[in-house]
PDB file of N, CA and C in Angstrom:
ATOM      1  N   MET A   1     -52.956 -34.394 -38.980  1.00  0.00           N
ATOM      2  CA  MET A   1     -53.155 -33.173 -39.731  1.00  0.00           C
ATOM      3  C   MET A   1     -52.240 -33.233 -40.954  1.00  0.00           C
ATOM      4  N   LYS A   2     -52.719 -32.677 -42.049  1.00  0.00           N
ATOM      5  CA  LYS A   2     -51.891 -32.577 -43.248  1.00  0.00           C
ATOM      6  C   LYS A   2     -51.480 -31.134 -43.472  1.00  0.00           C
ATOM      7  N   ALA A   3     -50.267 -30.975 -43.940  1.00  0.00           N
ATOM      8  CA  ALA A   3     -49.755 -29.656 -44.321  1.00  0.00           C
ATOM      9  C   ALA A   3     -49.262 -29.762 -45.751  1.00  0.00           C
ATOM     10  N   ARG A   4     -49.503 -28.719 -46.529  1.00  0.00           N
ATOM     11  CA  ARG A   4     -49.078 -28.689 -47.929  1.00  0.00           C
ATOM     12  C   ARG A   4     -48.227 -27.452 -48.157  1.00  0.00           C
ATOM     13  N   ALA A   5     -47.114 -27.649 -48.846  1.00  0.00           N
ATOM     14  CA  ALA A   5     -46.246 -26.528 -49.220  1.00  0.00           C
ATOM     15  C   ALA A   5     -46.031 -26.589 -50.728  1.00  0.00           C
ATOM     16  N   GLU A   6     -46.234 -25.462 -51.381  1.00  0.00           N
ATOM     17  CA  GLU A   6     -45.980 -25.351 -52.816  1.00  0.00           C
ATOM     18  C   GLU A   6     -44.817 -24.391 -52.982  1.00  0.00           C
ATOM     19  N   ILE A   7     -43.743 -24.885 -53.603  1.00  0.00           N
ATOM     20  CA  ILE A   7     -42.510 -24.106 -53.669  1.00  0.00           C
ATOM     21  C   ILE A   7     -42.124 -23.841 -55.118  1.00  0.00           C
ATOM     22  N   ASP A   8     -41.925 -22.560 -55.423  1.00  0.00           N
ATOM     23  CA  ASP A   8     -41.330 -22.141 -56.692  1.00  0.00           C
ATOM     24  C   ASP A   8     -39.897 -21.801 -56.326  1.00  0.00           C
ATOM     25  N   ALA A   9     -38.971 -22.674 -56.708  1.00  0.00           N
ATOM     26  CA  ALA A   9     -37.593 -22.563 -56.229  1.00  0.00           C
ATOM     27  C   ALA A   9     -36.805 -21.401 -56.831  1.00  0.00           C
ATOM     28  N   GLY A  10     -37.355 -20.716 -57.812  1.00  0.00           N
ATOM     29  CA  GLY A  10     -36.668 -19.538 -58.336  1.00  0.00           C
ATOM     30  C   GLY A  10     -36.206 -19.700 -59.759  1.00  0.00           C
ATOM     31  N   VAL A  11     -35.012 -19.214 -60.025  1.00  0.00           N
ATOM     32  CA  VAL A  11     -34.500 -19.133 -61.387  1.00  0.00           C
ATOM     33  C   VAL A  11     -34.338 -20.510 -62.045  1.00  0.00           C
ATOM     34  N   CYS A  12     -34.207 -21.555 -61.282  1.00  0.00           N
ATOM     35  CA  CYS A  12     -34.096 -22.903 -61.859  1.00  0.00           C
ATOM     36  C   CYS A  12     -35.399 -23.322 -62.538  1.00  0.00           C
ATOM     37  N   GLY A  13     -36.514 -22.746 -62.083  1.00  0.00           N
ATOM     38  CA  GLY A  13     -37.810 -23.034 -62.683  1.00  0.00           C
ATOM     39  C   GLY A  13     -38.510 -24.263 -62.142  1.00  0.00           C
ATOM     40  N   PHE A  14     -37.884 -24.971 -61.219  1.00  0.00           N
ATOM     41  CA  PHE A  14     -38.503 -26.183 -60.695  1.00  0.00           C
ATOM     42  C   PHE A  14     -39.592 -25.860 -59.678  1.00  0.00           C
ATOM     43  N   GLN A  15     -40.696 -26.578 -59.815  1.00  0.00           N
ATOM     44  CA  GLN A  15     -41.812 -26.476 -58.883  1.00  0.00           C
ATOM     45  C   GLN A  15     -41.808 -27.734 -58.017  1.00  0.00           C
ATOM     46  N   THR A  16     -42.112 -27.564 -56.748  1.00  0.00           N
ATOM     47  CA  THR A  16     -42.164 -28.696 -55.830  1.00  0.00           C
ATOM     48  C   THR A  16     -43.412 -28.577 -54.972  1.00  0.00           C
ATOM     49  N   VAL A  17     -44.066 -29.709 -54.740  1.00  0.00           N
ATOM     50  CA  VAL A  17     -45.205 -29.766 -53.824  1.00  0.00           C
ATOM     51  C   VAL A  17     -44.864 -30.776 -52.733  1.00  0.00           C
ATOM     52  N   VAL A  18     -45.017 -30.345 -51.502  1.00  0.00           N
ATOM     53  CA  VAL A  18     -44.749 -31.185 -50.334  1.00  0.00           C
ATOM     54  C   VAL A  18     -46.052 -31.369 -49.580  1.00  0.00           C
ATOM     55  N   VAL A  19     -46.369 -32.612 -49.244  1.00  0.00           N
ATOM     56  CA  VAL A  19     -47.496 -32.892 -48.365  1.00  0.00           C
ATOM     57  C   VAL A  19     -46.945 -33.670 -47.175  1.00  0.00           C
ATOM     58  N   ALA A  20     -47.077 -33.074 -45.996  1.00  0.00           N
ATOM     59  CA  ALA A  20     -46.641 -33.719 -44.756  1.00  0.00           C
ATOM     60  C   ALA A  20     -47.895 -34.139 -43.998  1.00  0.00           C
ATOM     61  N   ASP A  21     -47.892 -35.350 -43.489  1.00  0.00           N
ATOM     62  CA  ASP A  21     -49.072 -35.899 -42.823  1.00  0.00           C
ATOM     63  C   ASP A  21     -48.683 -36.455 -41.464  1.00  0.00           C
ATOM     64  N   CYS A  22     -49.464 -36.091 -40.455  1.00  0.00           N
ATOM     65  CA  CYS A  22     -49.167 -36.521 -39.088  1.00  0.00           C
ATOM     66  C   CYS A  22     -50.466 -36.865 -38.374  1.00  0.00           C
ATOM     67  N   ASP A  23     -50.570 -38.101 -37.914  1.00  0.00           N
ATOM     68  CA  ASP A  23     -51.783 -38.542 -37.212  1.00  0.00           C
ATOM     69  C   ASP A  23     -51.658 -38.483 -35.693  1.00  0.00           C
ATOM     70  N   ASP A  24     -50.419 -38.434 -35.177  1.00  0.00           N
ATOM     71  CA  ASP A  24     -50.231 -38.529 -33.729  1.00  0.00           C
ATOM     72  C   ASP A  24     -49.574 -37.298 -33.098  1.00  0.00           C
ATOM     73  N   GLY A  25     -49.377 -36.233 -33.879  1.00  0.00           N
ATOM     74  CA  GLY A  25     -48.765 -35.027 -33.340  1.00  0.00           C
ATOM     75  C   GLY A  25     -47.252 -35.090 -33.215  1.00  0.00           C
ATOM     76  N   GLN A  26     -46.642 -36.156 -33.745  1.00  0.00           N
ATOM     77  CA  GLN A  26     -45.187 -36.274 -33.636  1.00  0.00           C
ATOM     78  C   GLN A  26     -44.532 -36.900 -34.862  1.00  0.00           C
ATOM     79  N   ASN A  27     -45.048 -38.021 -35.333  1.00  0.00           N
ATOM     80  CA  ASN A  27     -44.414 -38.759 -36.426  1.00  0.00           C
ATOM     81  C   ASN A  27     -45.039 -38.362 -37.757  1.00  0.00           C
ATOM     82  N   VAL A  28     -44.210 -37.842 -38.649  1.00  0.00           N
ATOM     83  CA  VAL A  28     -44.687 -37.226 -39.883  1.00  0.00           C
ATOM     84  C   VAL A  28     -44.184 -37.995 -41.101  1.00  0.00           C
ATOM     85  N   THR A  29     -45.106 -38.271 -42.032  1.00  0.00           N
ATOM     86  CA  THR A  29     -44.717 -38.821 -43.324  1.00  0.00           C
ATOM     87  C   THR A  29     -44.692 -37.668 -44.320  1.00  0.00           C
ATOM     88  N   ILE A  30     -43.775 -37.759 -45.270  1.00  0.00           N
ATOM     89  CA  ILE A  30     -43.592 -36.669 -46.226  1.00  0.00           C
ATOM     90  C   ILE A  30     -43.703 -37.225 -47.637  1.00  0.00           C
ATOM     91  N   ASP A  31     -44.556 -36.579 -48.448  1.00  0.00           N
ATOM     92  CA  ASP A  31     -44.673 -36.912 -49.866  1.00  0.00           C
ATOM     93  C   ASP A  31     -44.210 -35.696 -50.654  1.00  0.00           C
ATOM     94  N   VAL A  32     -43.303 -35.909 -51.596  1.00  0.00           N
ATOM     95  CA  VAL A  32     -42.731 -34.808 -52.373  1.00  0.00           C
ATOM     96  C   VAL A  32     -42.877 -35.100 -53.858  1.00  0.00           C
ATOM     97  N   GLN A  33     -43.393 -34.131 -54.587  1.00  0.00           N
ATOM     98  CA  GLN A  33     -43.458 -34.196 -56.043  1.00  0.00           C
ATOM     99  C   GLN A  33     -42.652 -33.012 -56.563  1.00  0.00           C
ATOM    100  N   SER A  34     -41.658 -33.269 -57.409  1.00  0.00           N
ATOM    101  CA  SER A  34     -40.797 -32.192 -57.882  1.00  0.00           C
ATOM    102  C   SER A  34     -40.241 -32.506 -59.264  1.00  0.00           C
ATOM    103  N   GLY A  35     -40.023 -31.462 -60.041  1.00  0.00           N
ATOM    104  CA  GLY A  35     -39.359 -31.596 -61.324  1.00  0.00           C
ATOM    105  C   GLY A  35     -37.846 -31.682 -61.188  1.00  0.00           C
ATOM    106  N   CYS A  36     -37.324 -31.419 -59.993  1.00  0.00           N
ATOM    107  CA  CYS A  36     -35.883 -31.403 -59.757  1.00  0.00           C
ATOM    108  C   CYS A  36     -35.400 -32.777 -59.290  1.00  0.00           C
ATOM    109  N   GLU A  37     -34.425 -33.336 -60.005  1.00  0.00           N
ATOM    110  CA  GLU A  37     -33.918 -34.649 -59.626  1.00  0.00           C
ATOM    111  C   GLU A  37     -33.238 -34.637 -58.262  1.00  0.00           C
ATOM    112  N   LYS A  38     -32.614 -33.534 -57.883  1.00  0.00           N
ATOM    113  CA  LYS A  38     -31.955 -33.443 -56.568  1.00  0.00           C
ATOM    114  C   LYS A  38     -32.997 -33.496 -55.443  1.00  0.00           C
ATOM    115  N   ILE A  39     -34.106 -32.794 -55.644  1.00  0.00           N
ATOM    116  CA  ILE A  39     -35.175 -32.797 -54.634  1.00  0.00           C
ATOM    117  C   ILE A  39     -35.830 -34.170 -54.580  1.00  0.00           C
ATOM    118  N   ARG A  40     -35.985 -34.815 -55.727  1.00  0.00           N
ATOM    119  CA  ARG A  40     -36.537 -36.178 -55.724  1.00  0.00           C
ATOM    120  C   ARG A  40     -35.604 -37.130 -54.975  1.00  0.00           C
ATOM    121  N   ALA A  41     -34.288 -36.925 -55.079  1.00  0.00           N
ATOM    122  CA  ALA A  41     -33.325 -37.754 -54.328  1.00  0.00           C
ATOM    123  C   ALA A  41     -33.473 -37.517 -52.828  1.00  0.00           C
ATOM    124  N   ILE A  42     -33.696 -36.279 -52.439  1.00  0.00           N
ATOM    125  CA  ILE A  42     -33.946 -35.970 -51.019  1.00  0.00           C
ATOM    126  C   ILE A  42     -35.216 -36.681 -50.557  1.00  0.00           C
ATOM    127  N   ALA A  43     -36.268 -36.608 -51.371  1.00  0.00           N
ATOM    128  CA  ALA A  43     -37.540 -37.245 -51.023  1.00  0.00           C
ATOM    129  C   ALA A  43     -37.374 -38.754 -50.865  1.00  0.00           C
ATOM    130  N   THR A  44     -36.622 -39.378 -51.769  1.00  0.00           N
ATOM    131  CA  THR A  44     -36.391 -40.822 -51.691  1.00  0.00           C
ATOM    132  C   THR A  44     -35.642 -41.170 -50.410  1.00  0.00           C
ATOM    133  N   ALA A  45     -34.605 -40.406 -50.103  1.00  0.00           N
ATOM    134  CA  ALA A  45     -33.815 -40.668 -48.889  1.00  0.00           C
ATOM    135  C   ALA A  45     -34.666 -40.499 -47.632  1.00  0.00           C
ATOM    136  N   LEU A  46     -35.519 -39.482 -47.610  1.00  0.00           N
ATOM    137  CA  LEU A  46     -36.400 -39.287 -46.452  1.00  0.00           C
ATOM    138  C   LEU A  46     -37.400 -40.426 -46.336  1.00  0.00           C
ATOM    139  N   SER A  47     -37.942 -40.859 -47.460  1.00  0.00           N
ATOM    140  CA  SER A  47     -38.895 -41.960 -47.471  1.00  0.00           C
ATOM    141  C   SER A  47     -38.265 -43.238 -46.931  1.00  0.00           C
ATOM    142  N   GLU A  48     -37.003 -43.473 -47.277  1.00  0.00           N
ATOM    143  CA  GLU A  48     -36.298 -44.660 -46.798  1.00  0.00           C
ATOM    144  C   GLU A  48     -36.090 -44.626 -45.283  1.00  0.00           C
ATOM    145  N   LYS A  49     -36.051 -43.444 -44.696  1.00  0.00           N
ATOM    146  CA  LYS A  49     -35.880 -43.317 -43.243  1.00  0.00           C
ATOM    147  C   LYS A  49     -37.187 -43.549 -42.498  1.00  0.00           C
ATOM    148  N   GLY A  50     -38.313 -43.549 -43.218  1.00  0.00           N
ATOM    149  CA  GLY A  50     -39.617 -43.734 -42.585  1.00  0.00           C
ATOM    150  C   GLY A  50     -40.172 -42.400 -42.118  1.00  0.00           C
ATOM    151  N   THR A  51     -40.891 -42.431 -41.017  1.00  0.00           N
ATOM    152  CA  THR A  51     -41.474 -41.185 -40.514  1.00  0.00           C
ATOM    153  C   THR A  51     -40.395 -40.289 -39.908  1.00  0.00           C
ATOM    154  N   VAL A  52     -40.691 -39.009 -39.902  1.00  0.00           N
ATOM    155  CA  VAL A  52     -39.798 -38.013 -39.306  1.00  0.00           C
ATOM    156  C   VAL A  52     -40.384 -37.612 -37.953  1.00  0.00           C
ATOM    157  N   ASP A  53     -39.576 -37.637 -36.926  1.00  0.00           N
ATOM    158  CA  ASP A  53     -39.997 -37.235 -35.580  1.00  0.00           C
ATOM    159  C   ASP A  53     -39.961 -35.711 -35.504  1.00  0.00           C
ATOM    160  N   ALA A  54     -41.122 -35.083 -35.464  1.00  0.00           N
ATOM    161  CA  ALA A  54     -41.212 -33.619 -35.490  1.00  0.00           C
ATOM    162  C   ALA A  54     -40.542 -32.982 -34.277  1.00  0.00           C
ATOM    163  N   TYR A  55     -40.587 -33.641 -33.127  1.00  0.00           N
ATOM    164  CA  TYR A  55     -39.938 -33.076 -31.937  1.00  0.00           C
ATOM    165  C   TYR A  55     -38.418 -33.104 -32.083  1.00  0.00           C
ATOM    166  N   GLN A  56     -37.895 -34.182 -32.646  1.00  0.00           N
ATOM    167  CA  GLN A  56     -36.457 -34.260 -32.874  1.00  0.00           C
ATOM    168  C   GLN A  56     -36.026 -33.184 -33.871  1.00  0.00           C
ATOM    169  N   GLU A  57     -36.858 -32.924 -34.872  1.00  0.00           N
ATOM    170  CA  GLU A  57     -36.540 -31.891 -35.860  1.00  0.00           C
ATOM    171  C   GLU A  57     -36.353 -30.534 -35.194  1.00  0.00           C
ATOM    172  N   MET A  58     -37.096 -30.279 -34.145  1.00  0.00           N
ATOM    173  CA  MET A  58     -37.057 -28.986 -33.462  1.00  0.00           C
ATOM    174  C   MET A  58     -35.883 -28.855 -32.492  1.00  0.00           C
ATOM    175  N   SER A  59     -35.258 -29.972 -32.134  1.00  0.00           N
ATOM    176  CA  SER A  59     -34.209 -29.964 -31.128  1.00  0.00           C
ATOM    177  C   SER A  59     -32.857 -29.582 -31.725  1.00  0.00           C
ATOM    178  N   PRO A  60     -32.264 -28.481 -31.253  1.00  0.00           N
ATOM    179  CA  PRO A  60     -30.939 -28.113 -31.741  1.00  0.00           C
ATOM    180  C   PRO A  60     -29.884 -29.177 -31.418  1.00  0.00           C
ATOM    181  N   ALA A  61     -30.058 -29.873 -30.305  1.00  0.00           N
ATOM    182  CA  ALA A  61     -29.084 -30.889 -29.900  1.00  0.00           C
ATOM    183  C   ALA A  61     -29.159 -32.127 -30.785  1.00  0.00           C
ATOM    184  N   ALA A  62     -30.362 -32.519 -31.165  1.00  0.00           N
ATOM    185  CA  ALA A  62     -30.537 -33.739 -31.963  1.00  0.00           C
ATOM    186  C   ALA A  62     -30.208 -33.514 -33.429  1.00  0.00           C
ATOM    187  N   GLY A  63     -30.423 -32.318 -33.921  1.00  0.00           N
ATOM    188  CA  GLY A  63     -30.208 -32.043 -35.341  1.00  0.00           C
ATOM    189  C   GLY A  63     -31.409 -32.471 -36.155  1.00  0.00           C
ATOM    190  N   SER A  64     -31.555 -31.887 -37.295  1.00  0.00           N
ATOM    191  CA  SER A  64     -32.706 -32.128 -38.155  1.00  0.00           C
ATOM    192  C   SER A  64     -32.418 -33.226 -39.172  1.00  0.00           C
ATOM    193  N   THR A  65     -33.252 -34.244 -39.185  1.00  0.00           N
ATOM    194  CA  THR A  65     -33.146 -35.293 -40.194  1.00  0.00           C
ATOM    195  C   THR A  65     -33.390 -34.709 -41.579  1.00  0.00           C
ATOM    196  N   VAL A  66     -34.437 -33.901 -41.711  1.00  0.00           N
ATOM    197  CA  VAL A  66     -34.799 -33.316 -43.004  1.00  0.00           C
ATOM    198  C   VAL A  66     -33.648 -32.478 -43.563  1.00  0.00           C
ATOM    199  N   LEU A  67     -33.131 -31.566 -42.760  1.00  0.00           N
ATOM    200  CA  LEU A  67     -32.062 -30.694 -43.242  1.00  0.00           C
ATOM    201  C   LEU A  67     -30.751 -31.455 -43.430  1.00  0.00           C
ATOM    202  N   GLY A  68     -30.509 -32.464 -42.608  1.00  0.00           N
ATOM    203  CA  GLY A  68     -29.310 -33.285 -42.752  1.00  0.00           C
ATOM    204  C   GLY A  68     -29.326 -34.073 -44.055  1.00  0.00           C
ATOM    205  N   VAL A  69     -30.458 -34.694 -44.364  1.00  0.00           N
ATOM    206  CA  VAL A  69     -30.589 -35.427 -45.623  1.00  0.00           C
ATOM    207  C   VAL A  69     -30.449 -34.466 -46.793  1.00  0.00           C
ATOM    208  N   ALA A  70     -31.053 -33.297 -46.687  1.00  0.00           N
ATOM    209  CA  ALA A  70     -30.953 -32.303 -47.765  1.00  0.00           C
ATOM    210  C   ALA A  70     -29.498 -31.900 -48.004  1.00  0.00           C
ATOM    211  N   ARG A  71     -28.747 -31.670 -46.936  1.00  0.00           N
ATOM    212  CA  ARG A  71     -27.331 -31.303 -47.081  1.00  0.00           C
ATOM    213  C   ARG A  71     -26.544 -32.409 -47.785  1.00  0.00           C
ATOM    214  N   GLU A  72     -26.792 -33.652 -47.390  1.00  0.00           N
ATOM    215  CA  GLU A  72     -26.092 -34.785 -47.997  1.00  0.00           C
ATOM    216  C   GLU A  72     -26.386 -34.897 -49.491  1.00  0.00           C
ATOM    217  N   ARG A  73     -27.639 -34.725 -49.863  1.00  0.00           N
ATOM    218  CA  ARG A  73     -28.066 -34.946 -51.250  1.00  0.00           C
ATOM    219  C   ARG A  73     -27.858 -33.728 -52.148  1.00  0.00           C
ATOM    220  N   GLN A  74     -27.609 -32.559 -51.586  1.00  0.00           N
ATOM    221  CA  GLN A  74     -27.477 -31.351 -52.393  1.00  0.00           C
ATOM    222  C   GLN A  74     -26.032 -30.984 -52.704  1.00  0.00           C
ATOM    223  N   LYS A  75     -25.111 -31.858 -52.459  1.00  0.00           N
ATOM    224  CA  LYS A  75     -23.702 -31.539 -52.694  1.00  0.00           C
ATOM    225  C   LYS A  75     -23.449 -31.116 -54.132  1.00  0.00           C
ATOM    226  N   ALA A  76     -24.188 -31.696 -55.071  1.00  0.00           N
ATOM    227  CA  ALA A  76     -24.008 -31.327 -56.479  1.00  0.00           C
ATOM    228  C   ALA A  76     -25.106 -30.373 -56.938  1.00  0.00           C
ATOM    229  N   GLY A  77     -25.923 -29.913 -56.004  1.00  0.00           N
ATOM    230  CA  GLY A  77     -27.040 -29.037 -56.352  1.00  0.00           C
ATOM    231  C   GLY A  77     -26.844 -27.647 -55.796  1.00  0.00           C
ATOM    232  N   CYS A  78     -27.931 -26.955 -55.626  1.00  0.00           N
ATOM    233  CA  CYS A  78     -27.908 -25.581 -55.130  1.00  0.00           C
ATOM    234  C   CYS A  78     -27.985 -25.568 -53.605  1.00  0.00           C
ATOM    235  N   ALA A  79     -26.934 -25.140 -52.960  1.00  0.00           N
ATOM    236  CA  ALA A  79     -26.888 -25.106 -51.499  1.00  0.00           C
ATOM    237  C   ALA A  79     -27.903 -24.128 -50.906  1.00  0.00           C
ATOM    238  N   ALA A  80     -28.351 -23.160 -51.699  1.00  0.00           N
ATOM    239  CA  ALA A  80     -29.298 -22.163 -51.206  1.00  0.00           C
ATOM    240  C   ALA A  80     -30.740 -22.471 -51.605  1.00  0.00           C
ATOM    241  N   CYS A  81     -31.022 -23.696 -52.011  1.00  0.00           N
ATOM    242  CA  CYS A  81     -32.368 -24.078 -52.432  1.00  0.00           C
ATOM    243  C   CYS A  81     -33.368 -23.853 -51.290  1.00  0.00           C
ATOM    244  N   ALA A  82     -34.531 -23.328 -51.634  1.00  0.00           N
ATOM    245  CA  ALA A  82     -35.572 -23.030 -50.647  1.00  0.00           C
ATOM    246  C   ALA A  82     -36.399 -24.251 -50.261  1.00  0.00           C
ATOM    247  N   VAL A  83     -36.310 -25.324 -51.018  1.00  0.00           N
ATOM    248  CA  VAL A  83     -37.170 -26.483 -50.768  1.00  0.00           C
ATOM    249  C   VAL A  83     -36.907 -27.147 -49.413  1.00  0.00           C
ATOM    250  N   PRO A  84     -35.655 -27.383 -48.996  1.00  0.00           N
ATOM    251  CA  PRO A  84     -35.456 -28.041 -47.694  1.00  0.00           C
ATOM    252  C   PRO A  84     -36.095 -27.305 -46.521  1.00  0.00           C
ATOM    253  N   ILE A  85     -36.042 -26.003 -46.502  1.00  0.00           N
ATOM    254  CA  ILE A  85     -36.671 -25.281 -45.385  1.00  0.00           C
ATOM    255  C   ILE A  85     -38.186 -25.400 -45.457  1.00  0.00           C
ATOM    256  N   ALA A  86     -38.732 -25.485 -46.664  1.00  0.00           N
ATOM    257  CA  ALA A  86     -40.175 -25.692 -46.812  1.00  0.00           C
ATOM    258  C   ALA A  86     -40.569 -27.080 -46.303  1.00  0.00           C
ATOM    259  N   LEU A  87     -39.735 -28.088 -46.572  1.00  0.00           N
ATOM    260  CA  LEU A  87     -39.967 -29.426 -46.022  1.00  0.00           C
ATOM    261  C   LEU A  87     -39.992 -29.376 -44.497  1.00  0.00           C
ATOM    262  N   PHE A  88     -39.003 -28.719 -43.935  1.00  0.00           N
ATOM    263  CA  PHE A  88     -38.869 -28.579 -42.482  1.00  0.00           C
ATOM    264  C   PHE A  88     -40.110 -27.908 -41.883  1.00  0.00           C
ATOM    265  N   LYS A  89     -40.546 -26.809 -42.505  1.00  0.00           N
ATOM    266  CA  LYS A  89     -41.711 -26.080 -42.003  1.00  0.00           C
ATOM    267  C   LYS A  89     -42.996 -26.902 -42.150  1.00  0.00           C
ATOM    268  N   ALA A  90     -43.129 -27.661 -43.243  1.00  0.00           N
ATOM    269  CA  ALA A  90     -44.315 -28.500 -43.428  1.00  0.00           C
ATOM    270  C   ALA A  90     -44.410 -29.569 -42.345  1.00  0.00           C
ATOM    271  N   VAL A  91     -43.273 -30.131 -41.946  1.00  0.00           N
ATOM    272  CA  VAL A  91     -43.252 -31.105 -40.849  1.00  0.00           C
ATOM    273  C   VAL A  91     -43.770 -30.453 -39.570  1.00  0.00           C
ATOM    274  N   GLN A  92     -43.316 -29.248 -39.269  1.00  0.00           N
ATOM    275  CA  GLN A  92     -43.763 -28.539 -38.067  1.00  0.00           C
ATOM    276  C   GLN A  92     -45.270 -28.304 -38.082  1.00  0.00           C
ATOM    277  N   VAL A  93     -45.785 -27.855 -39.211  1.00  0.00           N
ATOM    278  CA  VAL A  93     -47.212 -27.561 -39.319  1.00  0.00           C
ATOM    279  C   VAL A  93     -48.034 -28.840 -39.202  1.00  0.00           C
ATOM    280  N   ALA A  94     -47.620 -29.904 -39.880  1.00  0.00           N
ATOM    281  CA  ALA A  94     -48.356 -31.171 -39.834  1.00  0.00           C
ATOM    282  C   ALA A  94     -48.459 -31.717 -38.416  1.00  0.00           C
ATOM    283  N   ALA A  95     -47.404 -31.523 -37.622  1.00  0.00           N
ATOM    284  CA  ALA A  95     -47.392 -32.021 -36.240  1.00  0.00           C
ATOM    285  C   ALA A  95     -48.058 -31.054 -35.259  1.00  0.00           C
ATOM    286  N   GLY A  96     -48.502 -29.909 -35.743  1.00  0.00           N
ATOM    287  CA  GLY A  96     -49.135 -28.929 -34.865  1.00  0.00           C
ATOM    288  C   GLY A  96     -48.143 -28.118 -34.056  1.00  0.00           C
ATOM    289  N   LEU A  97     -46.883 -28.090 -34.482  1.00  0.00           N
ATOM    290  CA  LEU A  97     -45.854 -27.350 -33.752  1.00  0.00           C
ATOM    291  C   LEU A  97     -45.617 -25.951 -34.311  1.00  0.00           C
ATOM    292  N   ALA A  98     -46.296 -25.632 -35.404  1.00  0.00           N
ATOM    293  CA  ALA A  98     -46.211 -24.294 -36.002  1.00  0.00           C
ATOM    294  C   ALA A  98     -47.524 -24.025 -36.721  1.00  0.00           C
ATOM    295  N   LEU A  99     -47.842 -22.762 -36.854  1.00  0.00           N
ATOM    296  CA  LEU A  99     -49.030 -22.378 -37.606  1.00  0.00           C
ATOM    297  C   LEU A  99     -48.670 -22.233 -39.081  1.00  0.00           C
ATOM    298  N   PRO A 100     -49.629 -22.545 -39.954  1.00  0.00           N
ATOM    299  CA  PRO A 100     -49.343 -22.380 -41.382  1.00  0.00           C
ATOM    300  C   PRO A 100     -49.343 -20.907 -41.776  1.00  0.00           C
ATOM    301  N   LYS A 101     -48.198 -20.413 -42.123  1.00  0.00           N
ATOM    302  CA  LYS A 101     -48.029 -19.021 -42.543  1.00  0.00           C
ATOM    303  C   LYS A 101     -47.031 -19.000 -43.674  1.00  0.00           C
ATOM    304  N   ASP A 102     -47.372 -18.309 -44.760  1.00  0.00           N
ATOM    305  CA  ASP A 102     -46.468 -18.228 -45.901  1.00  0.00           C
ATOM    306  C   ASP A 102     -45.148 -17.578 -45.513  1.00  0.00           C
ATOM    307  N   ILE A 103     -44.111 -18.033 -46.171  1.00  0.00           N
ATOM    308  CA  ILE A 103     -42.780 -17.464 -46.027  1.00  0.00           C
ATOM    309  C   ILE A 103     -42.441 -16.831 -47.367  1.00  0.00           C
ATOM    310  N   SER A 104     -41.821 -15.675 -47.345  1.00  0.00           N
ATOM    311  CA  SER A 104     -41.520 -15.000 -48.599  1.00  0.00           C
ATOM    312  C   SER A 104     -40.103 -14.447 -48.588  1.00  0.00           C
ATOM    313  N   ILE A 105     -39.425 -14.620 -49.704  1.00  0.00           N
ATOM    314  CA  ILE A 105     -38.113 -14.015 -49.902  1.00  0.00           C
ATOM    315  C   ILE A 105     -38.175 -13.285 -51.234  1.00  0.00           C
ATOM    316  N   LYS A 106     -37.927 -12.032 -51.230  1.00  0.00           N
ATOM    317  CA  LYS A 106     -37.918 -11.270 -52.481  1.00  0.00           C
ATOM    318  C   LYS A 106     -36.494 -10.827 -52.749  1.00  0.00           C
ATOM    319  N   LEU A 107     -35.978 -11.201 -53.914  1.00  0.00           N
ATOM    320  CA  LEU A 107     -34.594 -10.871 -54.250  1.00  0.00           C
ATOM    321  C   LEU A 107     -34.566  -9.901 -55.416  1.00  0.00           C
ATOM    322  N   SER A 108     -33.643  -8.955 -55.338  1.00  0.00           N
ATOM    323  CA  SER A 108     -33.465  -8.001 -56.439  1.00  0.00           C
ATOM    324  C   SER A 108     -32.025  -7.476 -56.414  1.00  0.00           C
ATOM    325  N   LYS A 109     -31.604  -6.940 -57.526  1.00  0.00           N
ATOM    326  CA  LYS A 109     -30.296  -6.287 -57.595  1.00  0.00           C
ATOM    327  C   LYS A 109     -30.491  -4.804 -57.327  1.00  0.00           C
ATOM    328  N   GLU A 110     -29.498  -4.204 -56.703  1.00  0.00           N
ATOM    329  CA  GLU A 110     -29.553  -2.755 -56.470  1.00  0.00           C
ATOM    330  C   GLU A 110     -28.335  -2.109 -57.052  1.00  0.00           C
TER     331      GLU A 110
END
């Protein structure tokens, strides 16, 4: 199954498209297109690791490869970037471990 996530990261203006593909219900390949060099570095690092095990991603004990790579590569970037969680969710959907449902965060000053 393929899952697609389109992310507008906010005030930075960068757009990212994630396509996660899973043929066996567990091992997911991730393709990322982004205008952000930090996100492209995350995508390259994930690609070098090969497929992502969707079950391991869900395990609190094992830790998330996707989020771990994002933390490593975002040290000079925005720690609150929405793209890593979108990557994580796309992996879940591609493996059939979550239903595709939009996520929304609305921010404003009061």
